[in-house]
Amino acid sequence: MIISASSTLLCCAMPAFLIAIGAGSSLAFIISAIPEIVLLSRYKTILFFITGIIILISYYNNRQNNISCPNEPVRAKNCQRNQKWSNLLLKFSILLYSIGFFMAFIAPYLL
């Protein structure tokens, strides 16, 4: 989930950020070292669609799993800790996805 959300940053937000701060030569170096970034940018609509579906499924699963934890104290503590981390990772993934979506589809029309 977090890997798919961060891939949206690689294709769209990172290049726009580097250009905005005047680091175009750094972007050229990154693209020459990792040419697959251009491929991600070419298929950004599909990338965002699939990533959005993955995040929605993760959100649904996260809500279903928050219902119950075991009654044993040690297992309950571990379960609650895992739920807390799961919620944190889900929120972070949604944040990454939102930044990438903004940079890919909204920011070009604002500039």
PDB file of N, CA and C in Angstrom:
ATOM      1  N   MET A   1       0.828  -1.182   0.000  1.00  0.00           N
ATOM      2  CA  MET A   1       0.000   0.000   0.000  1.00  0.00           C
ATOM      3  C   MET A   1       0.873   1.246   0.000  1.00  0.00           C
ATOM      4  N   ILE A   2       1.819   1.315   0.923  1.00  0.00           N
ATOM      5  CA  ILE A   2       2.655   2.510   0.998  1.00  0.00           C
ATOM      6  C   ILE A   2       3.612   2.579  -0.191  1.00  0.00           C
ATOM      7  N   ILE A   3       4.014   1.433  -0.714  1.00  0.00           N
ATOM      8  CA  ILE A   3       4.902   1.414  -1.874  1.00  0.00           C
ATOM      9  C   ILE A   3       4.165   1.932  -3.104  1.00  0.00           C
ATOM     10  N   SER A   4       2.912   1.509  -3.267  1.00  0.00           N
ATOM     11  CA  SER A   4       2.159   1.986  -4.431  1.00  0.00           C
ATOM     12  C   SER A   4       1.874   3.480  -4.317  1.00  0.00           C
ATOM     13  N   ALA A   5       1.619   3.966  -3.112  1.00  0.00           N
ATOM     14  CA  ALA A   5       1.371   5.396  -2.941  1.00  0.00           C
ATOM     15  C   ALA A   5       2.638   6.205  -3.175  1.00  0.00           C
ATOM     16  N   SER A   6       3.775   5.678  -2.754  1.00  0.00           N
ATOM     17  CA  SER A   6       5.016   6.422  -2.982  1.00  0.00           C
ATOM     18  C   SER A   6       5.425   6.400  -4.449  1.00  0.00           C
ATOM     19  N   SER A   7       4.962   5.420  -5.203  1.00  0.00           N
ATOM     20  CA  SER A   7       5.274   5.420  -6.636  1.00  0.00           C
ATOM     21  C   SER A   7       4.604   6.595  -7.341  1.00  0.00           C
ATOM     22  N   THR A   8       3.481   7.059  -6.814  1.00  0.00           N
ATOM     23  CA  THR A   8       2.839   8.232  -7.400  1.00  0.00           C
ATOM     24  C   THR A   8       3.676   9.482  -7.165  1.00  0.00           C
ATOM     25  N   LEU A   9       4.427   9.494  -6.065  1.00  0.00           N
ATOM     26  CA  LEU A   9       5.328  10.619  -5.824  1.00  0.00           C
ATOM     27  C   LEU A   9       6.499  10.597  -6.793  1.00  0.00           C
ATOM     28  N   LEU A  10       7.006   9.389  -7.078  1.00  0.00           N
ATOM     29  CA  LEU A  10       8.153   9.279  -7.986  1.00  0.00           C
ATOM     30  C   LEU A  10       7.816   9.766  -9.381  1.00  0.00           C
ATOM     31  N   CYS A  11       6.623   9.460  -9.844  1.00  0.00           N
ATOM     32  CA  CYS A  11       6.295   9.813 -11.221  1.00  0.00           C
ATOM     33  C   CYS A  11       5.932  11.270 -11.372  1.00  0.00           C
ATOM     34  N   CYS A  12       5.356  11.862 -10.365  1.00  0.00           N
ATOM     35  CA  CYS A  12       4.753  13.161 -10.591  1.00  0.00           C
ATOM     36  C   CYS A  12       5.193  14.260  -9.629  1.00  0.00           C
ATOM     37  N   ALA A  13       5.198  13.982  -8.340  1.00  0.00           N
ATOM     38  CA  ALA A  13       5.496  15.035  -7.369  1.00  0.00           C
ATOM     39  C   ALA A  13       6.982  15.363  -7.307  1.00  0.00           C
ATOM     40  N   MET A  14       7.829  14.347  -7.325  1.00  0.00           N
ATOM     41  CA  MET A  14       9.259  14.596  -7.224  1.00  0.00           C
ATOM     42  C   MET A  14       9.788  15.427  -8.400  1.00  0.00           C
ATOM     43  N   PRO A  15       9.471  15.088  -9.644  1.00  0.00           N
ATOM     44  CA  PRO A  15       9.960  15.934 -10.742  1.00  0.00           C
ATOM     45  C   PRO A  15       9.451  17.376 -10.656  1.00  0.00           C
ATOM     46  N   ALA A  16       8.195  17.557 -10.304  1.00  0.00           N
ATOM     47  CA  ALA A  16       7.651  18.913 -10.203  1.00  0.00           C
ATOM     48  C   ALA A  16       8.324  19.691  -9.073  1.00  0.00           C
ATOM     49  N   PHE A  17       8.584  19.015  -7.964  1.00  0.00           N
ATOM     50  CA  PHE A  17       9.247  19.667  -6.834  1.00  0.00           C
ATOM     51  C   PHE A  17      10.674  20.067  -7.201  1.00  0.00           C
ATOM     52  N   LEU A  18      11.396  19.167  -7.856  1.00  0.00           N
ATOM     53  CA  LEU A  18      12.779  19.485  -8.235  1.00  0.00           C
ATOM     54  C   LEU A  18      12.844  20.651  -9.211  1.00  0.00           C
ATOM     55  N   ILE A  19      11.921  20.696 -10.139  1.00  0.00           N
ATOM     56  CA  ILE A  19      11.884  21.818 -11.090  1.00  0.00           C
ATOM     57  C   ILE A  19      11.521  23.110 -10.355  1.00  0.00           C
ATOM     58  N   ALA A  20      10.582  23.019  -9.415  1.00  0.00           N
ATOM     59  CA  ALA A  20      10.133  24.214  -8.693  1.00  0.00           C
ATOM     60  C   ALA A  20      11.244  24.832  -7.854  1.00  0.00           C
ATOM     61  N   ILE A  21      12.132  24.023  -7.305  1.00  0.00           N
ATOM     62  CA  ILE A  21      13.217  24.579  -6.485  1.00  0.00           C
ATOM     63  C   ILE A  21      14.467  24.868  -7.302  1.00  0.00           C
ATOM     64  N   GLY A  22      14.374  24.682  -8.606  1.00  0.00           N
ATOM     65  CA  GLY A  22      15.484  25.001  -9.475  1.00  0.00           C
ATOM     66  C   GLY A  22      16.538  23.921  -9.577  1.00  0.00           C
ATOM     67  N   ALA A  23      16.158  22.696  -9.339  1.00  0.00           N
ATOM     68  CA  ALA A  23      17.097  21.582  -9.396  1.00  0.00           C
ATOM     69  C   ALA A  23      16.838  20.718 -10.619  1.00  0.00           C
ATOM     70  N   GLY A  24      16.694  21.359 -11.755  1.00  0.00           N
ATOM     71  CA  GLY A  24      16.427  20.630 -12.991  1.00  0.00           C
ATOM     72  C   GLY A  24      17.556  19.703 -13.386  1.00  0.00           C
ATOM     73  N   SER A  25      18.802  20.109 -13.091  1.00  0.00           N
ATOM     74  CA  SER A  25      19.934  19.232 -13.421  1.00  0.00           C
ATOM     75  C   SER A  25      19.914  17.970 -12.566  1.00  0.00           C
ATOM     76  N   SER A  26      19.458  18.095 -11.324  1.00  0.00           N
ATOM     77  CA  SER A  26      19.317  16.900 -10.476  1.00  0.00           C
ATOM     78  C   SER A  26      18.259  15.964 -11.045  1.00  0.00           C
ATOM     79  N   LEU A  27      17.180  16.537 -11.533  1.00  0.00           N
ATOM     80  CA  LEU A  27      16.137  15.722 -12.158  1.00  0.00           C
ATOM     81  C   LEU A  27      16.676  15.022 -13.400  1.00  0.00           C
ATOM     82  N   ALA A  28      17.467  15.729 -14.195  1.00  0.00           N
ATOM     83  CA  ALA A  28      18.045  15.113 -15.391  1.00  0.00           C
ATOM     84  C   ALA A  28      18.970  13.962 -15.002  1.00  0.00           C
ATOM     85  N   PHE A  29      19.731  14.133 -13.926  1.00  0.00           N
ATOM     86  CA  PHE A  29      20.606  13.054 -13.462  1.00  0.00           C
ATOM     87  C   PHE A  29      19.797  11.854 -12.994  1.00  0.00           C
ATOM     88  N   ILE A  30      18.738  12.097 -12.234  1.00  0.00           N
ATOM     89  CA  ILE A  30      17.906  10.996 -11.726  1.00  0.00           C
ATOM     90  C   ILE A  30      17.259  10.244 -12.882  1.00  0.00           C
ATOM     91  N   ILE A  31      16.764  10.974 -13.869  1.00  0.00           N
ATOM     92  CA  ILE A  31      16.122  10.327 -15.016  1.00  0.00           C
ATOM     93  C   ILE A  31      17.131   9.531 -15.839  1.00  0.00           C
ATOM     94  N   SER A  32      18.358  10.044 -15.941  1.00  0.00           N
ATOM     95  CA  SER A  32      19.368   9.280 -16.682  1.00  0.00           C
ATOM     96  C   SER A  32      19.807   8.046 -15.902  1.00  0.00           C
ATOM     97  N   ALA A  33      19.801   8.122 -14.580  1.00  0.00           N
ATOM     98  CA  ALA A  33      20.192   6.967 -13.761  1.00  0.00           C
ATOM     99  C   ALA A  33      19.063   5.954 -13.644  1.00  0.00           C
ATOM    100  N   ILE A  34      17.812   6.439 -13.579  1.00  0.00           N
ATOM    101  CA  ILE A  34      16.641   5.561 -13.440  1.00  0.00           C
ATOM    102  C   ILE A  34      15.628   5.934 -14.522  1.00  0.00           C
ATOM    103  N   PRO A  35      15.801   5.439 -15.735  1.00  0.00           N
ATOM    104  CA  PRO A  35      14.906   5.839 -16.829  1.00  0.00           C
ATOM    105  C   PRO A  35      13.468   5.326 -16.673  1.00  0.00           C
ATOM    106  N   GLU A  36      13.236   4.404 -15.763  1.00  0.00           N
ATOM    107  CA  GLU A  36      11.881   3.882 -15.559  1.00  0.00           C
ATOM    108  C   GLU A  36      10.924   4.931 -15.004  1.00  0.00           C
ATOM    109  N   ILE A  37      11.469   6.003 -14.428  1.00  0.00           N
ATOM    110  CA  ILE A  37      10.616   7.073 -13.910  1.00  0.00           C
ATOM    111  C   ILE A  37       9.796   7.689 -15.045  1.00  0.00           C
ATOM    112  N   VAL A  38      10.375   7.799 -16.211  1.00  0.00           N
ATOM    113  CA  VAL A  38       9.661   8.333 -17.373  1.00  0.00           C
ATOM    114  C   VAL A  38       8.504   7.411 -17.739  1.00  0.00           C
ATOM    115  N   LEU A  39       8.721   6.105 -17.620  1.00  0.00           N
ATOM    116  CA  LEU A  39       7.660   5.141 -17.904  1.00  0.00           C
ATOM    117  C   LEU A  39       6.506   5.298 -16.918  1.00  0.00           C
ATOM    118  N   LEU A  40       6.817   5.528 -15.631  1.00  0.00           N
ATOM    119  CA  LEU A  40       5.756   5.770 -14.649  1.00  0.00           C
ATOM    120  C   LEU A  40       4.969   7.024 -15.010  1.00  0.00           C
ATOM    121  N   SER A  41       5.664   8.053 -15.444  1.00  0.00           N
ATOM    122  CA  SER A  41       4.984   9.301 -15.807  1.00  0.00           C
ATOM    123  C   SER A  41       4.096   9.127 -17.033  1.00  0.00           C
ATOM    124  N   ARG A  42       4.524   8.295 -17.952  1.00  0.00           N
ATOM    125  CA  ARG A  42       3.745   8.071 -19.162  1.00  0.00           C
ATOM    126  C   ARG A  42       2.406   7.409 -18.853  1.00  0.00           C
ATOM    127  N   TYR A  43       2.400   6.503 -17.886  1.00  0.00           N
ATOM    128  CA  TYR A  43       1.184   5.770 -17.528  1.00  0.00           C
ATOM    129  C   TYR A  43       0.633   6.211 -16.185  1.00  0.00           C
ATOM    130  N   LYS A  44       0.696   7.510 -15.902  1.00  0.00           N
ATOM    131  CA  LYS A  44       0.298   7.997 -14.588  1.00  0.00           C
ATOM    132  C   LYS A  44      -1.195   7.803 -14.306  1.00  0.00           C
ATOM    133  N   THR A  45      -2.038   7.869 -15.310  1.00  0.00           N
ATOM    134  CA  THR A  45      -3.477   7.689 -15.073  1.00  0.00           C
ATOM    135  C   THR A  45      -3.761   6.273 -14.584  1.00  0.00           C
ATOM    136  N   ILE A  46      -3.181   5.295 -15.222  1.00  0.00           N
ATOM    137  CA  ILE A  46      -3.354   3.905 -14.798  1.00  0.00           C
ATOM    138  C   ILE A  46      -2.729   3.690 -13.427  1.00  0.00           C
ATOM    139  N   LEU A  47      -1.558   4.268 -13.219  1.00  0.00           N
ATOM    140  CA  LEU A  47      -0.869   4.149 -11.936  1.00  0.00           C
ATOM    141  C   LEU A  47      -1.720   4.702 -10.801  1.00  0.00           C
ATOM    142  N   PHE A  48      -2.304   5.873 -10.993  1.00  0.00           N
ATOM    143  CA  PHE A  48      -3.134   6.465  -9.951  1.00  0.00           C
ATOM    144  C   PHE A  48      -4.422   5.679  -9.747  1.00  0.00           C
ATOM    145  N   PHE A  49      -4.997   5.161 -10.803  1.00  0.00           N
ATOM    146  CA  PHE A  49      -6.219   4.370 -10.678  1.00  0.00           C
ATOM    147  C   PHE A  49      -5.965   3.103  -9.869  1.00  0.00           C
ATOM    148  N   ILE A  50      -4.922   2.370 -10.209  1.00  0.00           N
ATOM    149  CA  ILE A  50      -4.612   1.122  -9.501  1.00  0.00           C
ATOM    150  C   ILE A  50      -4.227   1.411  -8.055  1.00  0.00           C
ATOM    151  N   THR A  51      -3.431   2.447  -7.841  1.00  0.00           N
ATOM    152  CA  THR A  51      -3.035   2.808  -6.480  1.00  0.00           C
ATOM    153  C   THR A  51      -4.244   3.221  -5.655  1.00  0.00           C
ATOM    154  N   GLY A  52      -5.161   3.960  -6.247  1.00  0.00           N
ATOM    155  CA  GLY A  52      -6.389   4.343  -5.538  1.00  0.00           C
ATOM    156  C   GLY A  52      -7.219   3.138  -5.139  1.00  0.00           C
ATOM    157  N   ILE A  53      -7.310   2.158  -6.018  1.00  0.00           N
ATOM    158  CA  ILE A  53      -8.049   0.935  -5.684  1.00  0.00           C
ATOM    159  C   ILE A  53      -7.360   0.197  -4.543  1.00  0.00           C
ATOM    160  N   ILE A  54      -6.029   0.107  -4.587  1.00  0.00           N
ATOM    161  CA  ILE A  54      -5.291  -0.564  -3.513  1.00  0.00           C
ATOM    162  C   ILE A  54      -5.512   0.139  -2.178  1.00  0.00           C
ATOM    163  N   ILE A  55      -5.490   1.461  -2.184  1.00  0.00           N
ATOM    164  CA  ILE A  55      -5.703   2.203  -0.937  1.00  0.00           C
ATOM    165  C   ILE A  55      -7.140   2.042  -0.444  1.00  0.00           C
ATOM    166  N   LEU A  56      -8.110   2.033  -1.351  1.00  0.00           N
ATOM    167  CA  LEU A  56      -9.504   1.813  -0.935  1.00  0.00           C
ATOM    168  C   LEU A  56      -9.698   0.425  -0.325  1.00  0.00           C
ATOM    169  N   ILE A  57      -9.098  -0.583  -0.929  1.00  0.00           N
ATOM    170  CA  ILE A  57      -9.185  -1.942  -0.376  1.00  0.00           C
ATOM    171  C   ILE A  57      -8.511  -1.994   0.989  1.00  0.00           C
ATOM    172  N   SER A  58      -7.363  -1.328   1.113  1.00  0.00           N
ATOM    173  CA  SER A  58      -6.662  -1.291   2.397  1.00  0.00           C
ATOM    174  C   SER A  58      -7.491  -0.571   3.451  1.00  0.00           C
ATOM    175  N   TYR A  59      -8.154   0.498   3.050  1.00  0.00           N
ATOM    176  CA  TYR A  59      -9.018   1.226   3.984  1.00  0.00           C
ATOM    177  C   TYR A  59     -10.165   0.336   4.463  1.00  0.00           C
ATOM    178  N   TYR A  60     -10.790  -0.362   3.527  1.00  0.00           N
ATOM    179  CA  TYR A  60     -11.890  -1.260   3.882  1.00  0.00           C
ATOM    180  C   TYR A  60     -11.407  -2.368   4.821  1.00  0.00           C
ATOM    181  N   ASN A  61     -10.273  -2.984   4.491  1.00  0.00           N
ATOM    182  CA  ASN A  61      -9.734  -4.044   5.353  1.00  0.00           C
ATOM    183  C   ASN A  61      -9.339  -3.514   6.718  1.00  0.00           C
ATOM    184  N   ASN A  62      -8.810  -2.317   6.757  1.00  0.00           N
ATOM    185  CA  ASN A  62      -8.415  -1.715   8.022  1.00  0.00           C
ATOM    186  C   ASN A  62      -9.631  -1.473   8.912  1.00  0.00           C
ATOM    187  N   ARG A  63     -10.712  -1.011   8.324  1.00  0.00           N
ATOM    188  CA  ARG A  63     -11.940  -0.786   9.106  1.00  0.00           C
ATOM    189  C   ARG A  63     -12.532  -2.106   9.602  1.00  0.00           C
ATOM    190  N   GLN A  64     -12.450  -3.148   8.802  1.00  0.00           N
ATOM    191  CA  GLN A  64     -12.985  -4.443   9.215  1.00  0.00           C
ATOM    192  C   GLN A  64     -12.160  -5.057  10.344  1.00  0.00           C
ATOM    193  N   ASN A  65     -10.847  -4.852  10.321  1.00  0.00           N
ATOM    194  CA  ASN A  65      -9.968  -5.450  11.316  1.00  0.00           C
ATOM    195  C   ASN A  65      -9.942  -4.687  12.628  1.00  0.00           C
ATOM    196  N   ASN A  66     -10.449  -3.468  12.661  1.00  0.00           N
ATOM    197  CA  ASN A  66     -10.466  -2.690  13.892  1.00  0.00           C
ATOM    198  C   ASN A  66     -11.601  -3.091  14.827  1.00  0.00           C
ATOM    199  N   ILE A  67     -12.415  -4.037  14.437  1.00  0.00           N
ATOM    200  CA  ILE A  67     -13.595  -4.385  15.203  1.00  0.00           C
ATOM    201  C   ILE A  67     -13.254  -5.107  16.508  1.00  0.00           C
ATOM    202  N   SER A  68     -12.383  -6.093  16.457  1.00  0.00           N
ATOM    203  CA  SER A  68     -12.170  -6.880  17.664  1.00  0.00           C
ATOM    204  C   SER A  68     -10.700  -7.234  17.865  1.00  0.00           C
ATOM    205  N   CYS A  69     -10.310  -7.298  19.122  1.00  0.00           N
ATOM    206  CA  CYS A  69      -9.004  -7.789  19.533  1.00  0.00           C
ATOM    207  C   CYS A  69      -9.247  -8.873  20.576  1.00  0.00           C
ATOM    208  N   PRO A  70      -8.287  -9.771  20.768  1.00  0.00           N
ATOM    209  CA  PRO A  70      -8.464 -10.833  21.759  1.00  0.00           C
ATOM    210  C   PRO A  70      -8.607 -10.284  23.179  1.00  0.00           C
ATOM    211  N   ASN A  71      -9.126 -11.116  24.072  1.00  0.00           N
ATOM    212  CA  ASN A  71      -9.321 -10.709  25.463  1.00  0.00           C
ATOM    213  C   ASN A  71      -8.066 -10.870  26.308  1.00  0.00           C
ATOM    214  N   GLU A  72      -7.136 -11.694  25.881  1.00  0.00           N
ATOM    215  CA  GLU A  72      -5.909 -11.889  26.645  1.00  0.00           C
ATOM    216  C   GLU A  72      -5.098 -10.592  26.649  1.00  0.00           C
ATOM    217  N   PRO A  73      -4.562 -10.193  27.791  1.00  0.00           N
ATOM    218  CA  PRO A  73      -3.890  -8.884  27.881  1.00  0.00           C
ATOM    219  C   PRO A  73      -2.700  -8.713  26.925  1.00  0.00           C
ATOM    220  N   VAL A  74      -1.851  -9.725  26.810  1.00  0.00           N
ATOM    221  CA  VAL A  74      -0.670  -9.589  25.951  1.00  0.00           C
ATOM    222  C   VAL A  74      -1.077  -9.515  24.481  1.00  0.00           C
ATOM    223  N   ARG A  75      -1.954 -10.381  24.077  1.00  0.00           N
ATOM    224  CA  ARG A  75      -2.415 -10.369  22.680  1.00  0.00           C
ATOM    225  C   ARG A  75      -3.213  -9.108  22.367  1.00  0.00           C
ATOM    226  N   ALA A  76      -4.002  -8.645  23.335  1.00  0.00           N
ATOM    227  CA  ALA A  76      -4.784  -7.428  23.123  1.00  0.00           C
ATOM    228  C   ALA A  76      -3.860  -6.223  22.940  1.00  0.00           C
ATOM    229  N   LYS A  77      -2.795  -6.168  23.731  1.00  0.00           N
ATOM    230  CA  LYS A  77      -1.846  -5.062  23.609  1.00  0.00           C
ATOM    231  C   LYS A  77      -1.157  -5.087  22.248  1.00  0.00           C
ATOM    232  N   ASN A  78      -0.736  -6.270  21.815  1.00  0.00           N
ATOM    233  CA  ASN A  78      -0.116  -6.405  20.491  1.00  0.00           C
ATOM    234  C   ASN A  78      -1.089  -6.057  19.375  1.00  0.00           C
ATOM    235  N   CYS A  79      -2.314  -6.489  19.516  1.00  0.00           N
ATOM    236  CA  CYS A  79      -3.340  -6.211  18.511  1.00  0.00           C
ATOM    237  C   CYS A  79      -3.596  -4.707  18.401  1.00  0.00           C
ATOM    238  N   GLN A  80      -3.706  -4.045  19.548  1.00  0.00           N
ATOM    239  CA  GLN A  80      -3.951  -2.604  19.537  1.00  0.00           C
ATOM    240  C   GLN A  80      -2.771  -1.843  18.951  1.00  0.00           C
ATOM    241  N   ARG A  81      -1.548  -2.305  19.258  1.00  0.00           N
ATOM    242  CA  ARG A  81      -0.364  -1.668  18.693  1.00  0.00           C
ATOM    243  C   ARG A  81      -0.333  -1.844  17.167  1.00  0.00           C
ATOM    244  N   ASN A  82      -0.663  -3.038  16.709  1.00  0.00           N
ATOM    245  CA  ASN A  82      -0.695  -3.296  15.266  1.00  0.00           C
ATOM    246  C   ASN A  82      -1.772  -2.463  14.577  1.00  0.00           C
ATOM    247  N   GLN A  83      -2.923  -2.322  15.217  1.00  0.00           N
ATOM    248  CA  GLN A  83      -3.987  -1.497  14.639  1.00  0.00           C
ATOM    249  C   GLN A  83      -3.558  -0.033  14.559  1.00  0.00           C
ATOM    250  N   LYS A  84      -2.852   0.423  15.584  1.00  0.00           N
ATOM    251  CA  LYS A  84      -2.380   1.807  15.580  1.00  0.00           C
ATOM    252  C   LYS A  84      -1.390   2.043  14.437  1.00  0.00           C
ATOM    253  N   TRP A  85      -0.445   1.123  14.255  1.00  0.00           N
ATOM    254  CA  TRP A  85       0.515   1.247  13.158  1.00  0.00           C
ATOM    255  C   TRP A  85      -0.171   1.135  11.796  1.00  0.00           C
ATOM    256  N   SER A  86      -1.142   0.246  11.708  1.00  0.00           N
ATOM    257  CA  SER A  86      -1.869   0.090  10.458  1.00  0.00           C
ATOM    258  C   SER A  86      -2.613   1.372  10.101  1.00  0.00           C
ATOM    259  N   ASN A  87      -3.256   1.991  11.080  1.00  0.00           N
ATOM    260  CA  ASN A  87      -3.957   3.257  10.838  1.00  0.00           C
ATOM    261  C   ASN A  87      -2.980   4.352  10.436  1.00  0.00           C
ATOM    262  N   LEU A  88      -1.827   4.391  11.087  1.00  0.00           N
ATOM    263  CA  LEU A  88      -0.820   5.397  10.766  1.00  0.00           C
ATOM    264  C   LEU A  88      -0.291   5.223   9.343  1.00  0.00           C
ATOM    265  N   LEU A  89       0.013   3.990   8.958  1.00  0.00           N
ATOM    266  CA  LEU A  89       0.499   3.731   7.602  1.00  0.00           C
ATOM    267  C   LEU A  89      -0.558   4.039   6.547  1.00  0.00           C
ATOM    268  N   LEU A  90      -1.810   3.736   6.861  1.00  0.00           N
ATOM    269  CA  LEU A  90      -2.885   4.039   5.923  1.00  0.00           C
ATOM    270  C   LEU A  90      -3.017   5.545   5.725  1.00  0.00           C
ATOM    271  N   LYS A  91      -2.974   6.297   6.810  1.00  0.00           N
ATOM    272  CA  LYS A  91      -3.076   7.756   6.699  1.00  0.00           C
ATOM    273  C   LYS A  91      -1.885   8.333   5.941  1.00  0.00           C
ATOM    274  N   PHE A  92      -0.699   7.790   6.193  1.00  0.00           N
ATOM    275  CA  PHE A  92       0.495   8.256   5.482  1.00  0.00           C
ATOM    276  C   PHE A  92       0.394   7.942   3.992  1.00  0.00           C
ATOM    277  N   SER A  93      -0.128   6.768   3.660  1.00  0.00           N
ATOM    278  CA  SER A  93      -0.310   6.399   2.252  1.00  0.00           C
ATOM    279  C   SER A  93      -1.310   7.316   1.562  1.00  0.00           C
ATOM    280  N   ILE A  94      -2.385   7.646   2.258  1.00  0.00           N
ATOM    281  CA  ILE A  94      -3.379   8.560   1.696  1.00  0.00           C
ATOM    282  C   ILE A  94      -2.760   9.944   1.488  1.00  0.00           C
ATOM    283  N   LEU A  95      -1.911  10.380   2.418  1.00  0.00           N
ATOM    284  CA  LEU A  95      -1.225  11.659   2.265  1.00  0.00           C
ATOM    285  C   LEU A  95      -0.309  11.650   1.044  1.00  0.00           C
ATOM    286  N   LEU A  96       0.489  10.594   0.900  1.00  0.00           N
ATOM    287  CA  LEU A  96       1.377  10.490  -0.264  1.00  0.00           C
ATOM    288  C   LEU A  96       0.585  10.474  -1.562  1.00  0.00           C
ATOM    289  N   TYR A  97      -0.505   9.715  -1.582  1.00  0.00           N
ATOM    290  CA  TYR A  97      -1.347   9.633  -2.766  1.00  0.00           C
ATOM    291  C   TYR A  97      -1.943  11.002  -3.100  1.00  0.00           C
ATOM    292  N   SER A  98      -2.388  11.720  -2.077  1.00  0.00           N
ATOM    293  CA  SER A  98      -2.992  13.037  -2.305  1.00  0.00           C
ATOM    294  C   SER A  98      -1.987  14.032  -2.865  1.00  0.00           C
ATOM    295  N   ILE A  99      -0.768  14.009  -2.333  1.00  0.00           N
ATOM    296  CA  ILE A  99       0.275  14.908  -2.850  1.00  0.00           C
ATOM    297  C   ILE A  99       0.579  14.572  -4.307  1.00  0.00           C
ATOM    298  N   GLY A 100       0.735  13.292  -4.590  1.00  0.00           N
ATOM    299  CA  GLY A 100       0.997  12.876  -5.966  1.00  0.00           C
ATOM    300  C   GLY A 100      -0.137  13.237  -6.900  1.00  0.00           C
ATOM    301  N   PHE A 101      -1.375  13.034  -6.461  1.00  0.00           N
ATOM    302  CA  PHE A 101      -2.540  13.361  -7.284  1.00  0.00           C
ATOM    303  C   PHE A 101      -2.586  14.854  -7.574  1.00  0.00           C
ATOM    304  N   PHE A 102      -2.334  15.653  -6.555  1.00  0.00           N
ATOM    305  CA  PHE A 102      -2.339  17.108  -6.751  1.00  0.00           C
ATOM    306  C   PHE A 102      -1.283  17.523  -7.766  1.00  0.00           C
ATOM    307  N   MET A 103      -0.078  17.000  -7.611  1.00  0.00           N
ATOM    308  CA  MET A 103       1.015  17.388  -8.502  1.00  0.00           C
ATOM    309  C   MET A 103       0.795  16.871  -9.929  1.00  0.00           C
ATOM    310  N   ALA A 104       0.144  15.731 -10.075  1.00  0.00           N
ATOM    311  CA  ALA A 104      -0.035  15.156 -11.410  1.00  0.00           C
ATOM    312  C   ALA A 104      -1.204  15.746 -12.177  1.00  0.00           C
ATOM    313  N   PHE A 105      -2.303  16.005 -11.480  1.00  0.00           N
ATOM    314  CA  PHE A 105      -3.518  16.356 -12.204  1.00  0.00           C
ATOM    315  C   PHE A 105      -4.044  17.771 -11.936  1.00  0.00           C
ATOM    316  N   ILE A 106      -3.683  18.398 -10.820  1.00  0.00           N
ATOM    317  CA  ILE A 106      -4.229  19.705 -10.491  1.00  0.00           C
ATOM    318  C   ILE A 106      -3.190  20.809 -10.691  1.00  0.00           C
ATOM    319  N   ALA A 107      -1.985  20.594 -10.193  1.00  0.00           N
ATOM    320  CA  ALA A 107      -0.945  21.627 -10.260  1.00  0.00           C
ATOM    321  C   ALA A 107      -0.596  22.076 -11.687  1.00  0.00           C
ATOM    322  N   PRO A 108      -0.594  21.181 -12.680  1.00  0.00           N
ATOM    323  CA  PRO A 108      -0.279  21.675 -14.038  1.00  0.00           C
ATOM    324  C   PRO A 108      -1.249  22.736 -14.553  1.00  0.00           C
ATOM    325  N   TYR A 109      -2.490  22.699 -14.089  1.00  0.00           N
ATOM    326  CA  TYR A 109      -3.464  23.691 -14.531  1.00  0.00           C
ATOM    327  C   TYR A 109      -3.356  24.990 -13.736  1.00  0.00           C
ATOM    328  N   LEU A 110      -2.697  24.927 -12.587  1.00  0.00           N
ATOM    329  CA  LEU A 110      -2.525  26.128 -11.771  1.00  0.00           C
ATOM    330  C   LEU A 110      -1.296  26.939 -12.185  1.00  0.00           C
ATOM    331  N   LEU A 111      -0.355  26.270 -12.840  1.00  0.00           N
ATOM    332  CA  LEU A 111       0.899  26.955 -13.214  1.00  0.00           C
ATOM    333  C   LEU A 111       0.835  27.558 -14.577  1.00  0.00           C
TER     334      LEU A 111
END
